[in-house]
Amino acid sequence: MAKAGKAPMRRTTRRASRRWMGRVTALVVLFGLVFAAWLWWDMREWRPDATLYPEQGALVPPGGGPVRFETLKAVGAQFVYLPLLAGPGADGPGGFADRFTLARAAGLQVGVMLPFDPCARADAQSGMFAQMVPRDPDLLPPAIGLARLAESCDPKVSDAAVESELMTLINQIEMHSGKPVILKLEPAFQERHDSAGTLGRDLWLARDRARPDYAGRPWLLWSANSARFTEASEEPVEWVVVQK
């Protein structure tokens, strides 16, 4: 009889243990959700400590959305990079030319970032840059964005052809601007082409909140927050700091 009485006790103990584990699991999940929500909210306005990175600025979003450059300066930007994109509206109201003028009028240092298109010839890309960007020694060094891979190109483009056109583009942009370019290098492009290892140019890397190390060598610029929300625009800006 004593042995038979132990079975209900064991079942009760197991049920209590399962309830306890369920509560612990629910608390862990709740904590994870709260932490994720806090991190998301904190990242909306987060930027690196200005005592560690005194030179800070922004890459504004592409497109024709209004940007209040005076406000951008008021929230801590000393410089701004403007993306130069081809296509309809690129030079219309609110386009690159207007932004260029407004950014300089706000007292910001201005640079231009040209996204590299691996499917297009270097001559066409550098021609647009030369047409839109003045030769001006006061401009920041131009940047070339290396993000898009050639998988979607039609006709197909080999890695060797991509790298050859990129080198041509670098030379042409540097000839126009009179300054070495900065390579805004994304991890996937680096993994595919090892641009940091083969091209001796300053690097602009990206990783939210954590210092990037995927290039295998030091960087000059760091996109520390890919989507910082400010009153300067409806869309978030990419917040950038300079390595001392």
Protein backbone atom coordinates (compact mmCIF):
# COMPACT_ATOMS: atom_id res chain seq x y z
CA MET A 1 0.00 0.00 0.00
CA ALA A 2 2.88 2.40 0.80
CA LYS A 3 4.40 1.89 -2.65
CA ALA A 4 1.05 2.47 -4.39
CA GLY A 5 0.64 5.78 -2.57
CA LYS A 6 3.83 7.21 -4.04
CA ALA A 7 2.57 7.32 -7.65
CA PRO A 8 0.07 10.21 -7.13
CA MET A 9 2.75 12.12 -5.29
CA ARG A 10 5.19 11.69 -8.16
CA ARG A 11 2.55 12.81 -10.67
CA THR A 12 1.78 15.86 -8.54
CA THR A 13 5.48 16.69 -8.32
CA ARG A 14 5.90 16.37 -12.08
CA ARG A 15 2.90 18.64 -12.72
CA ALA A 16 4.27 21.23 -10.31
CA SER A 17 7.67 21.00 -11.97
CA ARG A 18 6.15 21.49 -15.42
CA ARG A 19 4.17 24.51 -14.19
CA TRP A 20 7.31 25.98 -12.67
CA MET A 21 9.31 25.43 -15.88
CA GLY A 22 6.47 26.94 -17.90
CA ARG A 23 6.50 30.05 -15.75
CA VAL A 24 10.27 30.35 -16.02
CA THR A 25 10.08 29.95 -19.81
CA ALA A 26 7.33 32.58 -20.02
CA LEU A 27 9.41 34.98 -17.92
CA VAL A 28 12.48 34.41 -20.13
CA VAL A 29 10.42 35.02 -23.29
CA LEU A 30 8.85 38.13 -21.76
CA PHE A 31 12.25 39.45 -20.71
CA GLY A 32 13.58 38.81 -24.23
CA LEU A 33 10.65 40.70 -25.78
CA VAL A 34 11.05 43.62 -23.38
CA PHE A 35 14.80 43.78 -24.03
CA ALA A 36 14.29 43.62 -27.80
CA ALA A 37 11.70 46.40 -27.61
CA TRP A 38 14.03 48.53 -25.47
CA LEU A 39 16.95 47.92 -27.83
CA TRP A 40 14.83 48.83 -30.85
CA TRP A 41 13.62 52.02 -29.17
CA ASP A 42 17.09 52.93 -27.92
CA MET A 43 18.61 52.40 -31.38
CA ARG A 44 16.15 54.85 -32.92
CA GLU A 45 18.17 57.76 -31.51
CA TRP A 46 21.42 56.10 -30.41
CA ARG A 47 24.79 57.37 -31.58
CA PRO A 48 28.33 56.64 -30.33
CA ASP A 49 29.79 58.68 -27.49
CA ALA A 50 31.03 62.00 -28.84
CA THR A 51 34.02 61.91 -26.50
CA LEU A 52 35.20 58.75 -28.24
CA TYR A 53 34.16 59.86 -31.73
CA PRO A 54 34.13 63.67 -31.85
CA GLU A 55 33.58 63.79 -35.63
CA GLN A 56 30.09 62.57 -36.48
CA GLY A 57 27.79 62.97 -39.43
CA ALA A 58 25.18 61.26 -41.58
CA LEU A 59 24.44 59.65 -44.90
CA VAL A 60 21.00 60.92 -45.82
CA PRO A 61 18.45 58.56 -47.36
CA PRO A 62 18.14 58.43 -51.14
CA GLY A 63 15.13 59.87 -52.90
CA GLY A 64 13.48 63.25 -52.92
CA GLY A 65 12.18 63.38 -49.35
CA PRO A 66 12.83 66.71 -47.63
CA VAL A 67 15.87 66.93 -45.34
CA ARG A 68 16.28 69.80 -42.89
CA PHE A 69 20.03 70.10 -42.87
CA GLU A 70 20.07 72.81 -40.19
CA THR A 71 18.26 70.38 -37.89
CA LEU A 72 20.67 67.61 -38.81
CA LYS A 73 23.52 69.87 -37.74
CA ALA A 74 21.69 70.73 -34.51
CA VAL A 75 21.42 67.06 -33.51
CA GLY A 76 25.17 66.54 -33.84
CA ALA A 77 26.12 66.16 -37.50
CA GLN A 78 29.25 67.98 -38.63
CA PHE A 79 29.26 66.49 -42.11
CA VAL A 80 26.86 64.84 -44.49
CA TYR A 81 27.24 62.45 -47.40
CA LEU A 82 24.68 62.65 -50.19
CA PRO A 83 23.90 59.56 -52.27
CA LEU A 84 24.13 60.15 -56.01
CA LEU A 85 21.57 58.02 -57.80
CA ALA A 86 20.69 57.83 -61.46
CA GLY A 87 17.09 57.86 -62.65
CA PRO A 88 14.05 60.14 -62.94
CA GLY A 89 14.01 62.99 -60.44
CA ALA A 90 17.69 62.69 -59.58
CA ASP A 91 18.24 66.33 -60.49
CA GLY A 92 14.70 67.65 -60.04
CA PRO A 93 13.18 69.49 -57.06
CA GLY A 94 14.36 67.87 -53.86
CA GLY A 95 16.95 65.88 -55.78
CA PHE A 96 20.72 65.74 -55.48
CA ALA A 97 21.43 69.29 -56.67
CA ASP A 98 18.93 70.84 -54.24
CA ARG A 99 20.24 68.77 -51.36
CA PHE A 100 23.81 69.67 -52.22
CA THR A 101 23.01 73.39 -52.11
CA LEU A 102 20.97 73.16 -48.90
CA ALA A 103 23.56 71.07 -47.06
CA ARG A 104 26.32 73.55 -47.81
CA ALA A 105 24.11 76.47 -46.87
CA ALA A 106 23.53 74.82 -43.48
CA GLY A 107 27.26 74.90 -42.80
CA LEU A 108 27.83 71.16 -43.08
CA GLN A 109 30.85 69.60 -44.73
CA VAL A 110 29.54 67.78 -47.78
CA GLY A 111 30.64 64.60 -49.51
CA VAL A 112 29.09 62.47 -52.24
CA MET A 113 28.52 58.71 -52.17
CA LEU A 114 28.13 56.96 -55.53
CA PRO A 115 26.62 53.46 -55.26
CA PHE A 116 28.59 51.14 -57.55
CA ASP A 117 26.47 49.26 -60.10
CA PRO A 118 28.30 46.05 -61.10
CA CYS A 119 26.02 45.67 -64.12
CA ALA A 120 26.95 49.03 -65.66
CA ARG A 121 30.14 50.24 -67.30
CA ALA A 122 32.42 52.48 -65.30
CA ASP A 123 32.35 55.23 -67.96
CA ALA A 124 28.60 55.75 -67.56
CA GLN A 125 28.82 55.90 -63.77
CA SER A 126 31.79 58.24 -63.65
CA GLY A 127 30.21 60.39 -66.37
CA MET A 128 27.14 60.96 -64.19
CA PHE A 129 29.39 61.78 -61.23
CA ALA A 130 31.41 64.31 -63.26
CA GLN A 131 28.21 65.91 -64.55
CA MET A 132 26.60 66.28 -61.12
CA VAL A 133 29.51 66.87 -58.73
CA PRO A 134 31.65 69.99 -59.11
CA ARG A 135 35.43 69.98 -58.85
CA ASP A 136 35.72 71.61 -55.44
CA PRO A 137 38.64 71.19 -53.00
CA ASP A 138 36.30 71.91 -50.08
CA LEU A 139 34.28 68.76 -50.69
CA LEU A 140 34.94 65.69 -48.58
CA PRO A 141 36.61 62.74 -50.33
CA PRO A 142 34.09 60.96 -52.56
CA ALA A 143 32.81 57.56 -51.49
CA ILE A 144 31.90 54.58 -53.65
CA GLY A 145 29.24 52.29 -52.19
CA LEU A 146 30.08 48.60 -52.61
CA ALA A 147 26.95 46.67 -51.73
CA ARG A 148 25.26 45.25 -54.83
CA LEU A 149 26.52 41.96 -56.23
CA ALA A 150 26.38 40.95 -59.89
CA GLU A 151 23.97 38.00 -59.59
CA SER A 152 21.10 39.97 -61.12
CA CYS A 153 23.07 41.33 -64.08
CA ASP A 154 21.75 40.51 -67.54
CA PRO A 155 23.86 39.66 -69.41
CA LYS A 156 25.96 37.94 -66.77
CA VAL A 157 29.09 39.69 -65.53
CA SER A 158 32.10 37.81 -64.17
CA ASP A 159 33.77 38.70 -60.89
CA ALA A 160 36.90 39.65 -62.80
CA ALA A 161 34.90 42.08 -64.97
CA VAL A 162 33.25 43.62 -61.89
CA GLU A 163 36.63 44.17 -60.26
CA SER A 164 38.10 45.63 -63.44
CA GLU A 165 35.23 48.09 -63.91
CA LEU A 166 35.42 49.06 -60.23
CA MET A 167 39.11 49.87 -60.54
CA THR A 168 38.39 51.95 -63.64
CA LEU A 169 35.62 53.78 -61.82
CA ILE A 170 37.89 54.51 -58.84
CA ASN A 171 40.54 56.00 -61.13
CA GLN A 172 38.00 58.12 -63.01
CA ILE A 173 36.34 59.46 -59.83
CA GLU A 174 39.73 60.27 -58.31
CA MET A 175 40.81 62.06 -61.47
CA HIS A 176 37.70 64.22 -61.37
CA SER A 177 37.72 64.96 -57.63
CA GLY A 178 41.47 65.18 -57.09
CA LYS A 179 41.13 63.07 -53.92
CA PRO A 180 41.39 59.34 -53.12
CA VAL A 181 38.00 57.68 -52.82
CA ILE A 182 36.63 56.01 -49.71
CA LEU A 183 35.19 52.53 -50.19
CA LYS A 184 31.84 52.11 -48.42
CA LEU A 185 32.14 48.36 -48.17
CA GLU A 186 29.35 45.99 -47.18
CA PRO A 187 30.14 42.51 -45.76
CA ALA A 188 28.72 40.53 -48.71
CA PHE A 189 30.77 42.50 -51.26
CA GLN A 190 33.90 42.11 -49.16
CA GLU A 191 33.35 38.37 -48.87
CA ARG A 192 32.87 38.06 -52.63
CA HIS A 193 35.64 40.36 -53.89
CA ASP A 194 38.02 40.99 -50.94
CA SER A 195 38.09 44.67 -51.86
CA ALA A 196 39.67 45.62 -48.54
CA GLY A 197 42.58 43.32 -49.29
CA THR A 198 43.11 44.28 -52.93
CA LEU A 199 42.28 48.00 -53.01
CA GLY A 200 44.44 50.34 -50.97
CA ARG A 201 41.79 52.91 -50.10
CA ASP A 202 40.26 54.13 -46.84
CA LEU A 203 37.30 52.07 -45.73
CA TRP A 204 33.79 52.94 -44.61
CA LEU A 205 32.26 49.96 -42.81
CA ALA A 206 28.84 49.37 -41.27
CA ARG A 207 27.54 47.54 -38.21
CA ASP A 208 24.84 48.71 -35.83
CA ARG A 209 26.22 49.59 -32.40
CA ALA A 210 29.28 47.27 -32.56
CA ARG A 211 32.59 48.25 -34.14
CA PRO A 212 32.94 46.46 -37.50
CA ASP A 213 35.84 44.11 -38.14
CA TYR A 214 34.88 42.22 -41.29
CA ALA A 215 37.40 44.00 -43.53
CA GLY A 216 40.44 42.65 -41.72
CA ARG A 217 42.09 46.06 -41.49
CA PRO A 218 41.39 49.47 -39.90
CA TRP A 219 38.58 51.68 -41.17
CA LEU A 220 38.14 55.45 -41.44
CA LEU A 221 34.34 55.76 -41.31
CA TRP A 222 31.83 53.64 -39.41
CA SER A 223 28.07 53.59 -39.99
CA ALA A 224 27.22 52.92 -36.35
CA ASN A 225 23.44 53.27 -36.66
CA SER A 226 21.87 52.36 -39.98
CA ALA A 227 18.54 53.99 -39.07
CA ARG A 228 18.82 56.88 -36.66
CA PHE A 229 15.55 58.78 -36.36
CA THR A 230 15.87 62.54 -36.06
CA GLU A 231 13.68 65.56 -36.62
CA ALA A 232 15.72 66.35 -39.73
CA SER A 233 13.67 64.05 -41.99
CA GLU A 234 10.76 61.66 -41.99
CA GLU A 235 13.07 58.83 -43.01
CA PRO A 236 15.93 57.71 -40.76
CA VAL A 237 19.49 58.67 -41.61
CA GLU A 238 22.56 56.47 -41.50
CA TRP A 239 24.69 57.82 -38.65
CA VAL A 240 28.43 57.88 -39.37
CA VAL A 241 31.47 58.51 -37.19
CA VAL A 242 35.14 59.06 -37.99
CA GLN A 243 37.94 56.97 -36.55
CA LYS A 244 40.36 59.19 -34.65
